[in-house]
C-alpha atoms as a PDB file:
ATOM      1  CA  MET A   1     -34.771 -17.875   8.889  1.00  0.00           C
ATOM      2  CA  GLY A   2     -36.819 -15.996  11.804  1.00  0.00           C
ATOM      3  CA  SER A   3     -39.645 -18.248  13.117  1.00  0.00           C
ATOM      4  CA  ASN A   4     -43.189 -18.193  10.897  1.00  0.00           C
ATOM      5  CA  HIS A   5     -46.078 -17.277  12.289  1.00  0.00           C
ATOM      6  CA  LEU A   6     -49.070 -19.231  11.738  1.00  0.00           C
ATOM      7  CA  ILE A   7     -52.330 -17.305  11.709  1.00  0.00           C
ATOM      8  CA  PRO A   8     -55.737 -19.768  10.938  1.00  0.00           C
ATOM      9  CA  VAL A   9     -58.048 -19.003   8.860  1.00  0.00           C
ATOM     10  CA  THR A  10     -61.156 -20.335   7.383  1.00  0.00           C
ATOM     11  CA  GLY A  11     -60.959 -23.337   5.237  1.00  0.00           C
ATOM     12  CA  GLY A  12     -58.060 -24.643   7.341  1.00  0.00           C
ATOM     13  CA  ILE A  13     -55.563 -22.338   5.455  1.00  0.00           C
ATOM     14  CA  ASN A  14     -52.748 -21.186   7.632  1.00  0.00           C
ATOM     15  CA  ILE A  15     -51.163 -17.567   6.663  1.00  0.00           C
ATOM     16  CA  VAL A  16     -47.263 -17.447   6.991  1.00  0.00           C
ATOM     17  CA  GLN A  17     -46.048 -14.103   7.651  1.00  0.00           C
ATOM     18  CA  ILE A  18     -42.950 -13.264   5.839  1.00  0.00           C
ATOM     19  CA  GLU A  19     -39.941 -11.653   8.209  1.00  0.00           C
ATOM     20  CA  GLY A  20     -36.146 -12.108   8.674  1.00  0.00           C
ATOM     21  CA  LYS A  21     -34.114 -12.780   5.882  1.00  0.00           C
ATOM     22  CA  CYS A  22     -37.343 -13.728   3.558  1.00  0.00           C
ATOM     23  CA  LYS A  23     -38.472 -10.153   4.036  1.00  0.00           C
ATOM     24  CA  GLU A  24     -35.325  -8.633   3.516  1.00  0.00           C
ATOM     25  CA  VAL A  25     -34.761 -10.593   0.460  1.00  0.00           C
ATOM     26  CA  LEU A  26     -38.587  -9.319  -0.929  1.00  0.00           C
ATOM     27  CA  ASP A  27     -37.307  -5.541   0.047  1.00  0.00           C
ATOM     28  CA  LYS A  28     -33.916  -5.735  -1.936  1.00  0.00           C
ATOM     29  CA  THR A  29     -34.951  -8.152  -4.826  1.00  0.00           C
ATOM     30  CA  GLU A  30     -34.818  -6.920  -8.506  1.00  0.00           C
ATOM     31  CA  TRP A  31     -37.356  -9.392  -9.879  1.00  0.00           C
ATOM     32  CA  VAL A  32     -39.810 -12.476  -8.719  1.00  0.00           C
ATOM     33  CA  ALA A  33     -40.360 -15.441 -10.566  1.00  0.00           C
ATOM     34  CA  ILE A  34     -44.056 -17.176 -10.303  1.00  0.00           C
ATOM     35  CA  ALA A  35     -44.631 -20.213 -11.141  1.00  0.00           C
ATOM     36  CA  THR A  36     -47.865 -21.850 -11.533  1.00  0.00           C
ATOM     37  CA  CYS A  37     -49.092 -25.580 -13.027  1.00  0.00           C
ATOM     38  CA  GLY A  38     -51.562 -26.169 -15.807  1.00  0.00           C
ATOM     39  CA  ASP A  39     -52.366 -28.663 -18.060  1.00  0.00           C
ATOM     40  CA  SER A  40     -49.497 -27.992 -20.164  1.00  0.00           C
ATOM     41  CA  GLY A  41     -47.288 -28.566 -16.770  1.00  0.00           C
ATOM     42  CA  PRO A  42     -45.240 -25.902 -14.807  1.00  0.00           C
ATOM     43  CA  HIS A  43     -45.907 -22.079 -16.275  1.00  0.00           C
ATOM     44  CA  LEU A  44     -43.247 -19.434 -15.527  1.00  0.00           C
ATOM     45  CA  VAL A  45     -43.714 -15.342 -15.660  1.00  0.00           C
ATOM     46  CA  ALA A  46     -41.844 -12.557 -13.636  1.00  0.00           C
ATOM     47  CA  THR A  47     -42.599  -8.999 -12.373  1.00  0.00           C
ATOM     48  CA  TRP A  48     -40.106  -6.321 -11.123  1.00  0.00           C
ATOM     49  CA  GLY A  49     -39.158  -6.519  -7.629  1.00  0.00           C
ATOM     50  CA  GLY A  50     -39.912  -2.532  -7.195  1.00  0.00           C
ATOM     51  CA  TYR A  51     -43.708  -3.362  -8.116  1.00  0.00           C
ATOM     52  CA  VAL A  52     -43.728  -6.110  -5.049  1.00  0.00           C
ATOM     53  CA  LYS A  53     -42.082  -3.401  -3.201  1.00  0.00           C
ATOM     54  CA  ALA A  54     -44.695  -0.671  -4.173  1.00  0.00           C
ATOM     55  CA  LEU A  55     -47.751  -2.648  -3.634  1.00  0.00           C
ATOM     56  CA  LYS A  56     -46.890  -3.939   0.207  1.00  0.00           C
ATOM     57  CA  THR A  57     -49.869  -4.110   2.476  1.00  0.00           C
ATOM     58  CA  GLU A  58     -50.194  -4.253   6.170  1.00  0.00           C
ATOM     59  CA  ASP A  59     -50.507  -7.845   6.318  1.00  0.00           C
ATOM     60  CA  SER A  60     -47.325  -9.493   5.291  1.00  0.00           C
ATOM     61  CA  GLY A  61     -49.042 -13.072   4.581  1.00  0.00           C
ATOM     62  CA  ILE A  62     -50.471 -11.305   1.758  1.00  0.00           C
ATOM     63  CA  ILE A  63     -48.415 -10.246  -1.627  1.00  0.00           C
ATOM     64  CA  VAL A  64     -50.189  -8.258  -3.999  1.00  0.00           C
ATOM     65  CA  ILE A  65     -48.067  -8.222  -8.129  1.00  0.00           C
ATOM     66  CA  PRO A  66     -49.971  -5.728 -10.399  1.00  0.00           C
ATOM     67  CA  ALA A  67     -51.038  -8.051 -13.262  1.00  0.00           C
ATOM     68  CA  GLY A  68     -51.080  -6.558 -16.894  1.00  0.00           C
ATOM     69  CA  PHE A  69     -51.460  -9.993 -19.115  1.00  0.00           C
ATOM     70  CA  TYR A  70     -50.777 -12.816 -17.367  1.00  0.00           C
ATOM     71  CA  ASN A  71     -53.693 -14.553 -19.207  1.00  0.00           C
ATOM     72  CA  VAL A  72     -52.085 -18.705 -18.605  1.00  0.00           C
ATOM     73  CA  THR A  73     -51.277 -17.821 -15.088  1.00  0.00           C
ATOM     74  CA  GLU A  74     -55.083 -16.796 -14.273  1.00  0.00           C
ATOM     75  CA  ASP A  75     -56.329 -19.888 -16.102  1.00  0.00           C
ATOM     76  CA  ASN A  76     -54.049 -22.049 -14.160  1.00  0.00           C
ATOM     77  CA  LEU A  77     -54.765 -20.374 -11.032  1.00  0.00           C
ATOM     78  CA  LYS A  78     -58.386 -21.049 -12.008  1.00  0.00           C
ATOM     79  CA  LYS A  79     -57.636 -24.875 -12.221  1.00  0.00           C
ATOM     80  CA  ASN A  80     -55.123 -25.018  -9.345  1.00  0.00           C
ATOM     81  CA  ASN A  81     -54.673 -22.176  -7.154  1.00  0.00           C
ATOM     82  CA  GLN A  82     -50.895 -23.362  -6.272  1.00  0.00           C
ATOM     83  CA  VAL A  83     -48.539 -20.832  -7.125  1.00  0.00           C
ATOM     84  CA  GLU A  84     -44.732 -20.627  -6.197  1.00  0.00           C
ATOM     85  CA  LEU A  85     -42.549 -17.477  -6.103  1.00  0.00           C
ATOM     86  CA  LEU A  86     -38.693 -17.555  -6.021  1.00  0.00           C
ATOM     87  CA  ALA A  87     -36.710 -13.988  -5.117  1.00  0.00           C
ATOM     88  CA  ALA A  88     -33.446 -13.721  -4.574  1.00  0.00           C
ATOM     89  CA  SER A  89     -30.706 -10.613  -3.782  1.00  0.00           C
ATOM     90  CA  SER A  90     -27.019 -10.426  -4.059  1.00  0.00           C
ATOM     91  CA  LYS A  91     -27.695  -7.587  -1.270  1.00  0.00           C
ATOM     92  CA  VAL A  92     -28.268  -9.841   1.640  1.00  0.00           C
ATOM     93  CA  GLN A  93     -26.212 -11.989   3.499  1.00  0.00           C
ATOM     94  CA  GLY A  94     -26.626 -15.514   2.776  1.00  0.00           C
ATOM     95  CA  THR A  95     -26.155 -18.819   5.134  1.00  0.00           C
ATOM     96  CA  ASN A  96     -22.598 -19.521   3.419  1.00  0.00           C
ATOM     97  CA  GLY A  97     -21.375 -16.174   1.774  1.00  0.00           C
ATOM     98  CA  PRO A  98     -22.979 -13.094  -0.257  1.00  0.00           C
ATOM     99  CA  GLY A  99     -26.415 -13.420  -1.786  1.00  0.00           C
ATOM    100  CA  GLN A 100     -29.852 -14.514  -0.297  1.00  0.00           C
ATOM    101  CA  GLY A 101     -32.928 -16.470  -2.221  1.00  0.00           C
ATOM    102  CA  CYS A 102     -36.494 -17.481  -0.847  1.00  0.00           C
ATOM    103  CA  SER A 103     -39.548 -19.539  -2.442  1.00  0.00           C
ATOM    104  CA  ILE A 104     -42.309 -18.637  -1.266  1.00  0.00           C
ATOM    105  CA  SER A 105     -45.610 -20.700  -1.523  1.00  0.00           C
ATOM    106  CA  GLY A 106     -49.460 -20.484  -1.317  1.00  0.00           C
ATOM    107  CA  LYS A 107     -52.416 -20.016  -2.484  1.00  0.00           C
ATOM    108  CA  GLY A 108     -53.180 -17.107  -5.544  1.00  0.00           C
ATOM    109  CA  GLU A 109     -55.896 -15.455  -7.602  1.00  0.00           C
ATOM    110  CA  ILE A 110     -56.368 -12.877 -10.137  1.00  0.00           C
ATOM    111  CA  GLN A 111     -58.606  -9.967  -8.834  1.00  0.00           C
ATOM    112  CA  THR A 112     -59.711  -7.407 -11.408  1.00  0.00           C
ATOM    113  CA  SER A 113     -62.170  -5.566  -9.014  1.00  0.00           C
ATOM    114  CA  GLY A 114     -61.969  -4.863  -5.157  1.00  0.00           C
ATOM    115  CA  LYS A 115     -60.009  -3.338  -2.933  1.00  0.00           C
ATOM    116  CA  LEU A 116     -56.758  -4.484  -3.745  1.00  0.00           C
ATOM    117  CA  ALA A 117     -57.160  -4.401  -7.907  1.00  0.00           C
ATOM    118  CA  ASP A 118     -57.888  -0.665  -7.539  1.00  0.00           C
ATOM    119  CA  MET A 119     -54.838   0.095  -5.376  1.00  0.00           C
ATOM    120  CA  VAL A 120     -53.056  -1.544  -7.888  1.00  0.00           C
ATOM    121  CA  LYS A 121     -54.531  -0.063 -10.600  1.00  0.00           C
ATOM    122  CA  SER A 122     -54.174   3.288  -8.707  1.00  0.00           C
ATOM    123  CA  LYS A 123     -50.359   2.779  -8.841  1.00  0.00           C
ATOM    124  CA  PHE A 124     -50.480   1.266 -12.217  1.00  0.00           C
ATOM    125  CA  SER A 125     -52.500   2.334 -15.045  1.00  0.00           C
ATOM    126  CA  TRP A 126     -51.387  -0.746 -17.363  1.00  0.00           C
ATOM    127  CA  ALA A 127     -52.794  -3.114 -15.030  1.00  0.00           C
ATOM    128  CA  ARG A 128     -55.723  -4.640 -15.368  1.00  0.00           C
ATOM    129  CA  GLY A 129     -56.079  -6.298 -11.559  1.00  0.00           C
ATOM    130  CA  ALA A 130     -54.169  -7.875  -9.199  1.00  0.00           C
ATOM    131  CA  LEU A 131     -52.332 -11.225  -8.658  1.00  0.00           C
ATOM    132  CA  VAL A 132     -53.013 -11.794  -4.710  1.00  0.00           C
ATOM    133  CA  ILE A 133     -51.047 -14.629  -2.992  1.00  0.00           C
ATOM    134  CA  THR A 134     -51.753 -15.760   0.712  1.00  0.00           C
ATOM    135  CA  VAL A 135     -48.882 -17.181   1.914  1.00  0.00           C
ATOM    136  CA  GLU A 136     -48.368 -20.345   3.422  1.00  0.00           C
ATOM    137  CA  LYS A 137     -44.939 -21.067   3.109  1.00  0.00           C
ATOM    138  CA  VAL A 138     -41.454 -19.533   3.242  1.00  0.00           C
ATOM    139  CA  ASN A 139     -37.763 -20.863   2.746  1.00  0.00           C
ATOM    140  CA  THR A 140     -35.006 -19.683   2.312  1.00  0.00           C
ATOM    141  CA  GLN A 141     -32.309 -20.478  -0.407  1.00  0.00           C
ATOM    142  CA  LEU A 142     -28.387 -20.303  -1.210  1.00  0.00           C
END
């Protein structure tokens, strides 16, 4: 994996730029799993990789995902904004053979108004807003 570039921002959070193998995985993945944690424990949802690819921003330290329902995810993020994504692709050469995965963790929130929500709604009429993730850590898997 390439080195992570840390960009200090307000509040002591470091944004990690997604590059190298993990960028390639996100570009080629078919789906992305999204994990949050709430009062009932871990909660998983997923999205199509094409949705993530369609919503790239100029900042590779931010991931934007269209939010349709994601009601439990939203409730969890209001109490604990930590989120982890898992993506993989058999089309990316892994460390030990074909197939590479990556985990991406950071802070997440559902935005139903503003620039990113408007961008999502313009591309996905069914979306009520955007799941916006500020990336703090990227690791390769497999």
